[in-house]
C-alpha atoms as a PDB file:
ATOM      1  CA  MET A   1      77.224 144.091 179.404  1.00  0.00           C
ATOM      2  CA  VAL A   2      80.418 144.375 177.356  1.00  0.00           C
ATOM      3  CA  SER A   3      81.106 142.560 174.117  1.00  0.00           C
ATOM      4  CA  LYS A   4      84.273 142.520 172.049  1.00  0.00           C
ATOM      5  CA  LYS A   5      85.749 140.768 169.026  1.00  0.00           C
ATOM      6  CA  ILE A   6      89.117 139.220 169.891  1.00  0.00           C
ATOM      7  CA  LEU A   7      91.672 137.602 167.597  1.00  0.00           C
ATOM      8  CA  ILE A   8      93.241 134.450 169.057  1.00  0.00           C
ATOM      9  CA  LYS A   9      97.020 134.841 168.986  1.00  0.00           C
ATOM     10  CA  ILE A  10      97.963 131.801 171.083  1.00  0.00           C
ATOM     11  CA  PRO A  11     100.226 129.897 168.628  1.00  0.00           C
ATOM     12  CA  THR A  12      98.691 126.471 169.307  1.00  0.00           C
ATOM     13  CA  GLY A  13      95.122 127.776 169.252  1.00  0.00           C
ATOM     14  CA  LEU A  14      92.786 126.660 172.005  1.00  0.00           C
ATOM     15  CA  GLU A  15      93.772 123.057 172.603  1.00  0.00           C
ATOM     16  CA  ALA A  16      93.567 121.358 176.020  1.00  0.00           C
ATOM     17  CA  ARG A  17      96.111 123.335 178.075  1.00  0.00           C
ATOM     18  CA  PRO A  18      95.235 126.820 176.737  1.00  0.00           C
ATOM     19  CA  VAL A  19      91.513 126.062 177.214  1.00  0.00           C
ATOM     20  CA  ALA A  20      92.131 125.007 180.824  1.00  0.00           C
ATOM     21  CA  LEU A  21      94.021 128.252 181.461  1.00  0.00           C
ATOM     22  CA  LEU A  22      91.276 130.330 179.825  1.00  0.00           C
ATOM     23  CA  VAL A  23      88.655 128.625 182.008  1.00  0.00           C
ATOM     24  CA  GLN A  24      90.803 129.440 185.078  1.00  0.00           C
ATOM     25  CA  VAL A  25      90.996 133.103 184.041  1.00  0.00           C
ATOM     26  CA  ALA A  26      87.225 133.296 183.388  1.00  0.00           C
ATOM     27  CA  SER A  27      86.368 131.486 186.633  1.00  0.00           C
ATOM     28  CA  GLN A  28      88.035 134.213 188.726  1.00  0.00           C
ATOM     29  CA  TYR A  29      85.138 136.549 187.943  1.00  0.00           C
ATOM     30  CA  GLU A  30      81.518 136.678 189.068  1.00  0.00           C
ATOM     31  CA  SER A  31      80.357 137.879 185.652  1.00  0.00           C
ATOM     32  CA  SER A  32      78.770 135.561 183.112  1.00  0.00           C
ATOM     33  CA  ILE A  33      81.295 135.184 180.300  1.00  0.00           C
ATOM     34  CA  TYR A  34      80.534 133.677 176.901  1.00  0.00           C
ATOM     35  CA  VAL A  35      82.678 132.997 173.851  1.00  0.00           C
ATOM     36  CA  GLU A  36      80.979 132.998 170.460  1.00  0.00           C
ATOM     37  CA  CYS A  37      82.359 131.696 167.176  1.00  0.00           C
ATOM     38  CA  GLU A  38      80.171 131.458 164.068  1.00  0.00           C
ATOM     39  CA  GLU A  39      76.889 129.943 165.310  1.00  0.00           C
ATOM     40  CA  LYS A  40      78.170 128.479 168.601  1.00  0.00           C
ATOM     41  CA  LYS A  41      78.036 130.299 171.937  1.00  0.00           C
ATOM     42  CA  VAL A  42      79.553 128.636 175.009  1.00  0.00           C
ATOM     43  CA  ASN A  43      80.213 129.466 178.637  1.00  0.00           C
ATOM     44  CA  ALA A  44      83.881 130.480 179.006  1.00  0.00           C
ATOM     45  CA  LYS A  45      83.921 128.782 182.418  1.00  0.00           C
ATOM     46  CA  SER A  46      83.168 125.371 180.861  1.00  0.00           C
ATOM     47  CA  ILE A  47      86.173 123.307 179.739  1.00  0.00           C
ATOM     48  CA  MET A  48      84.026 120.965 177.642  1.00  0.00           C
ATOM     49  CA  GLY A  49      82.150 123.863 176.070  1.00  0.00           C
ATOM     50  CA  MET A  50      85.352 125.674 175.152  1.00  0.00           C
ATOM     51  CA  MET A  51      86.943 122.495 173.768  1.00  0.00           C
ATOM     52  CA  SER A  52      83.879 121.966 171.552  1.00  0.00           C
ATOM     53  CA  LEU A  53      84.660 125.214 169.711  1.00  0.00           C
ATOM     54  CA  GLY A  54      88.008 123.831 168.478  1.00  0.00           C
ATOM     55  CA  LEU A  55      89.484 127.294 167.985  1.00  0.00           C
ATOM     56  CA  ALA A  56      92.742 127.779 166.086  1.00  0.00           C
ATOM     57  CA  ALA A  57      95.266 130.597 166.162  1.00  0.00           C
ATOM     58  CA  GLY A  58      94.149 133.468 163.940  1.00  0.00           C
ATOM     59  CA  GLU A  59      90.420 132.875 164.448  1.00  0.00           C
ATOM     60  CA  GLU A  60      88.235 135.710 165.679  1.00  0.00           C
ATOM     61  CA  VAL A  61      85.757 135.198 168.498  1.00  0.00           C
ATOM     62  CA  THR A  62      83.247 137.462 170.204  1.00  0.00           C
ATOM     63  CA  VAL A  63      83.573 137.515 173.986  1.00  0.00           C
ATOM     64  CA  THR A  64      80.674 138.803 176.079  1.00  0.00           C
ATOM     65  CA  ALA A  65      80.829 139.515 179.801  1.00  0.00           C
ATOM     66  CA  GLU A  66      77.943 140.606 181.994  1.00  0.00           C
ATOM     67  CA  GLY A  67      78.109 141.290 185.710  1.00  0.00           C
ATOM     68  CA  THR A  68      79.702 143.382 188.426  1.00  0.00           C
ATOM     69  CA  ASP A  69      83.303 142.792 187.281  1.00  0.00           C
ATOM     70  CA  GLU A  70      82.671 142.592 183.521  1.00  0.00           C
ATOM     71  CA  GLU A  71      85.238 145.258 182.538  1.00  0.00           C
ATOM     72  CA  VAL A  72      88.134 143.614 184.405  1.00  0.00           C
ATOM     73  CA  ALA A  73      87.074 140.163 183.213  1.00  0.00           C
ATOM     74  CA  MET A  74      87.020 141.300 179.586  1.00  0.00           C
ATOM     75  CA  GLU A  75      90.386 143.012 179.917  1.00  0.00           C
ATOM     76  CA  ASN A  76      92.080 139.905 181.308  1.00  0.00           C
ATOM     77  CA  ILE A  77      90.462 137.464 178.879  1.00  0.00           C
ATOM     78  CA  GLU A  78      91.518 139.673 175.980  1.00  0.00           C
ATOM     79  CA  LYS A  79      95.045 139.854 177.403  1.00  0.00           C
ATOM     80  CA  TYR A  80      95.170 136.038 177.647  1.00  0.00           C
ATOM     81  CA  LEU A  81      93.748 135.319 174.166  1.00  0.00           C
ATOM     82  CA  SER A  82      96.032 137.932 172.590  1.00  0.00           C
ATOM     83  CA  SER A  83      99.216 136.601 174.196  1.00  0.00           C
ATOM     84  CA  LYS A  84     101.775 134.923 171.958  1.00  0.00           C
END
């Protein structure tokens, strides 16, 4: 299992389109991937779950991946969330 704190740098934060793209990125991997912010923890492969977090640019989240491709999954999710 890998876990990492990531700062969201997407200018619009995680509104509908960026959430949909994040879910697409996460869904490419077999690993279980979760995004945690404050007290909420949601499945990164769930559009509704991710939308419920209402994340803005500049917020920090903890991403956890567990499975056979966890390293690659984490790398690509971090790359996506850190893109401007």
